[in-house]
């Protein structure tokens, strides 16, 4: 294995590139609802476009002030 493959393996182990869907249910929920930098509870806002059947979810840390994620969900 060359250095590039080793560094990619390290990155995937250190930073969960599988979107954090591994572990117990409590671990997954904690990763989704807490800031990765400071551990504070994230604040979520949702904006729904019923014409396009989409909801945009944005999470922001009130302590750090960073926007942690922005996800678009399709409504059924």
N, C-alpha and C. Protein backbone atom coordinates (compact mmCIF):
# COMPACT_ATOMS: atom_id res chain seq x y z
N UNK A 1 0.85 -1.17 0.00
CA UNK A 1 0.00 0.00 0.00
C UNK A 1 0.90 1.24 0.00
N UNK A 2 0.63 2.20 -0.89
CA UNK A 2 1.47 3.39 -0.95
C UNK A 2 1.02 4.43 0.08
N UNK A 3 1.77 5.55 0.17
CA UNK A 3 1.48 6.58 1.17
C UNK A 3 0.10 7.19 0.98
N UNK A 4 -0.30 7.35 -0.28
CA UNK A 4 -1.60 7.97 -0.55
C UNK A 4 -2.73 7.09 -0.02
N UNK A 5 -2.64 5.79 -0.22
CA UNK A 5 -3.66 4.89 0.30
C UNK A 5 -3.65 4.87 1.82
N UNK A 6 -2.46 4.92 2.43
CA UNK A 6 -2.37 4.96 3.90
C UNK A 6 -3.03 6.21 4.46
N UNK A 7 -2.79 7.37 3.83
CA UNK A 7 -3.37 8.60 4.33
C UNK A 7 -4.89 8.59 4.16
N UNK A 8 -5.39 8.01 3.06
CA UNK A 8 -6.84 7.92 2.85
C UNK A 8 -7.46 7.01 3.90
N UNK A 9 -6.79 5.92 4.21
CA UNK A 9 -7.30 5.00 5.23
C UNK A 9 -7.36 5.70 6.58
N UNK A 10 -6.34 6.49 6.91
CA UNK A 10 -6.32 7.23 8.17
C UNK A 10 -7.44 8.25 8.21
N UNK A 11 -7.65 8.95 7.11
CA UNK A 11 -8.72 9.95 7.06
C UNK A 11 -10.07 9.30 7.27
N UNK A 12 -10.31 8.16 6.61
CA UNK A 12 -11.61 7.52 6.74
C UNK A 12 -11.82 6.96 8.14
N UNK A 13 -10.75 6.62 8.85
CA UNK A 13 -10.90 6.15 10.22
C UNK A 13 -11.10 7.32 11.17
N UNK A 14 -10.36 8.42 10.98
CA UNK A 14 -10.44 9.56 11.88
C UNK A 14 -11.71 10.38 11.66
N UNK A 15 -12.13 10.52 10.43
CA UNK A 15 -13.30 11.32 10.07
C UNK A 15 -14.29 10.40 9.40
N UNK A 16 -15.43 10.20 10.04
CA UNK A 16 -16.38 9.22 9.57
C UNK A 16 -17.00 9.68 8.25
N UNK A 17 -16.43 9.25 7.13
CA UNK A 17 -16.91 9.68 5.82
C UNK A 17 -18.18 8.96 5.40
N UNK A 18 -18.66 8.02 6.20
CA UNK A 18 -19.89 7.32 5.88
C UNK A 18 -21.10 8.06 6.48
N UNK A 19 -20.98 9.35 6.67
CA UNK A 19 -22.02 10.24 7.18
C UNK A 19 -22.44 9.92 8.61
N UNK A 20 -21.62 9.18 9.33
CA UNK A 20 -21.88 8.94 10.73
C UNK A 20 -22.97 7.93 11.03
N UNK A 21 -23.31 7.08 10.11
CA UNK A 21 -24.38 6.12 10.34
C UNK A 21 -23.86 4.79 10.85
N UNK A 22 -22.83 4.81 11.66
CA UNK A 22 -22.30 3.60 12.26
C UNK A 22 -22.29 3.77 13.76
N UNK A 23 -22.52 2.68 14.47
CA UNK A 23 -22.54 2.72 15.92
C UNK A 23 -23.93 2.48 16.44
N UNK A 24 -24.09 2.67 17.74
CA UNK A 24 -25.40 2.48 18.36
C UNK A 24 -26.32 3.63 17.97
N UNK A 25 -27.59 3.44 18.22
CA UNK A 25 -28.57 4.49 17.90
C UNK A 25 -28.25 5.77 18.66
N UNK A 26 -27.88 5.65 19.92
CA UNK A 26 -27.54 6.84 20.72
C UNK A 26 -26.33 7.56 20.15
N UNK A 27 -25.31 6.84 19.71
CA UNK A 27 -24.12 7.46 19.13
C UNK A 27 -24.46 8.20 17.84
N UNK A 28 -25.30 7.62 17.01
CA UNK A 28 -25.69 8.25 15.74
C UNK A 28 -26.47 9.54 16.03
N UNK A 29 -27.42 9.47 16.95
CA UNK A 29 -28.22 10.65 17.30
C UNK A 29 -27.34 11.73 17.90
N UNK A 30 -26.42 11.36 18.77
CA UNK A 30 -25.51 12.35 19.36
C UNK A 30 -24.64 13.03 18.30
N UNK A 31 -24.13 12.29 17.34
CA UNK A 31 -23.32 12.89 16.27
C UNK A 31 -24.15 13.83 15.40
N UNK A 32 -25.43 13.49 15.20
CA UNK A 32 -26.30 14.29 14.35
C UNK A 32 -26.74 15.57 15.04
N UNK A 33 -26.89 15.55 16.36
CA UNK A 33 -27.49 16.68 17.08
C UNK A 33 -26.49 17.54 17.85
N UNK A 34 -25.20 17.18 17.83
CA UNK A 34 -24.20 17.94 18.57
C UNK A 34 -23.09 18.44 17.65
N UNK A 35 -22.55 19.60 17.97
CA UNK A 35 -21.47 20.22 17.20
C UNK A 35 -20.21 19.35 17.27
N UNK A 36 -19.56 19.18 16.13
CA UNK A 36 -18.35 18.37 16.09
C UNK A 36 -17.16 19.11 16.68
N UNK A 37 -17.23 20.44 16.79
CA UNK A 37 -16.12 21.22 17.34
C UNK A 37 -16.20 21.37 18.85
N UNK A 38 -17.37 21.80 19.35
CA UNK A 38 -17.46 22.12 20.78
C UNK A 38 -18.41 21.22 21.56
N UNK A 39 -19.23 20.42 20.87
CA UNK A 39 -20.14 19.50 21.54
C UNK A 39 -21.47 20.09 21.95
N UNK A 40 -21.72 21.36 21.64
CA UNK A 40 -22.99 22.00 22.01
C UNK A 40 -24.14 21.42 21.18
N UNK A 41 -25.37 21.56 21.70
CA UNK A 41 -26.55 21.12 20.96
C UNK A 41 -26.76 22.02 19.75
N UNK A 42 -26.98 21.42 18.59
CA UNK A 42 -27.21 22.18 17.37
C UNK A 42 -28.63 22.70 17.33
N UNK A 43 -28.82 23.83 16.66
CA UNK A 43 -30.14 24.39 16.41
C UNK A 43 -30.49 24.11 14.96
N UNK A 44 -31.66 23.54 14.73
CA UNK A 44 -32.10 23.17 13.40
C UNK A 44 -33.21 24.11 12.93
N UNK A 45 -33.14 24.49 11.66
CA UNK A 45 -34.23 25.24 11.03
C UNK A 45 -34.65 24.46 9.80
N UNK A 46 -35.96 24.55 9.49
CA UNK A 46 -36.50 23.83 8.35
C UNK A 46 -37.30 24.81 7.50
N UNK A 47 -37.08 24.74 6.20
CA UNK A 47 -37.81 25.56 5.26
C UNK A 47 -38.41 24.62 4.21
N UNK A 48 -39.75 24.64 4.08
CA UNK A 48 -40.42 23.69 3.19
C UNK A 48 -40.95 24.40 1.96
N UNK A 49 -40.69 23.82 0.81
CA UNK A 49 -41.24 24.26 -0.47
C UNK A 49 -42.23 23.20 -0.93
N UNK A 50 -43.52 23.44 -0.67
CA UNK A 50 -44.54 22.45 -0.99
C UNK A 50 -44.74 22.31 -2.50
N UNK A 51 -44.42 23.33 -3.28
CA UNK A 51 -44.54 23.26 -4.73
C UNK A 51 -43.57 22.25 -5.33
N UNK A 52 -42.40 22.15 -4.74
CA UNK A 52 -41.37 21.20 -5.22
C UNK A 52 -41.28 19.96 -4.34
N UNK A 53 -42.07 19.91 -3.26
CA UNK A 53 -42.05 18.80 -2.30
C UNK A 53 -40.67 18.59 -1.70
N UNK A 54 -40.04 19.69 -1.26
CA UNK A 54 -38.72 19.63 -0.66
C UNK A 54 -38.70 20.38 0.67
N UNK A 55 -37.92 19.88 1.60
CA UNK A 55 -37.66 20.57 2.86
C UNK A 55 -36.16 20.72 3.02
N UNK A 56 -35.71 21.93 3.27
CA UNK A 56 -34.29 22.19 3.49
C UNK A 56 -34.05 22.30 4.98
N UNK A 57 -33.16 21.45 5.49
CA UNK A 57 -32.81 21.44 6.90
C UNK A 57 -31.42 22.02 7.07
N UNK A 58 -31.28 23.01 7.94
CA UNK A 58 -29.99 23.62 8.21
C UNK A 58 -29.72 23.52 9.70
N UNK A 59 -28.51 23.08 10.05
CA UNK A 59 -28.14 23.03 11.47
C UNK A 59 -26.98 23.97 11.72
N UNK A 60 -27.07 24.68 12.85
CA UNK A 60 -26.06 25.68 13.19
C UNK A 60 -25.75 25.56 14.68
N UNK A 61 -24.49 25.73 15.01
CA UNK A 61 -24.07 25.68 16.41
C UNK A 61 -24.22 27.07 17.03
N UNK A 62 -24.98 27.20 18.11
CA UNK A 62 -25.15 28.51 18.74
C UNK A 62 -23.89 28.98 19.46
N UNK A 63 -23.03 28.04 19.86
CA UNK A 63 -21.81 28.39 20.58
C UNK A 63 -20.71 28.85 19.63
N UNK A 64 -20.43 28.06 18.59
CA UNK A 64 -19.36 28.35 17.63
C UNK A 64 -19.81 29.31 16.53
N UNK A 65 -21.12 29.27 16.23
CA UNK A 65 -21.64 30.09 15.16
C UNK A 65 -21.43 29.51 13.77
N UNK A 66 -20.95 28.27 13.69
CA UNK A 66 -20.72 27.68 12.37
C UNK A 66 -21.96 26.93 11.91
N UNK A 67 -22.16 26.93 10.60
CA UNK A 67 -23.24 26.12 10.02
C UNK A 67 -22.66 24.73 9.82
N UNK A 68 -23.24 23.76 10.48
CA UNK A 68 -22.69 22.41 10.48
C UNK A 68 -23.13 21.63 9.26
N UNK A 69 -24.42 21.71 8.91
CA UNK A 69 -24.88 20.96 7.75
C UNK A 69 -26.09 21.62 7.12
N UNK A 70 -26.30 21.28 5.87
CA UNK A 70 -27.46 21.74 5.12
C UNK A 70 -27.89 20.56 4.26
N UNK A 71 -29.10 20.05 4.51
CA UNK A 71 -29.59 18.86 3.84
C UNK A 71 -30.94 19.15 3.24
N UNK A 72 -31.19 18.65 2.03
CA UNK A 72 -32.49 18.78 1.39
C UNK A 72 -33.17 17.42 1.44
N UNK A 73 -34.38 17.40 2.00
CA UNK A 73 -35.17 16.17 2.10
C UNK A 73 -36.33 16.26 1.10
N UNK A 74 -36.58 15.18 0.42
CA UNK A 74 -37.71 15.11 -0.51
C UNK A 74 -38.93 14.63 0.25
N UNK A 75 -40.05 15.35 0.11
CA UNK A 75 -41.29 14.96 0.74
C UNK A 75 -41.97 13.90 -0.13
N UNK A 76 -42.73 13.03 0.50
CA UNK A 76 -43.43 11.99 -0.28
C UNK A 76 -44.81 12.42 -0.64
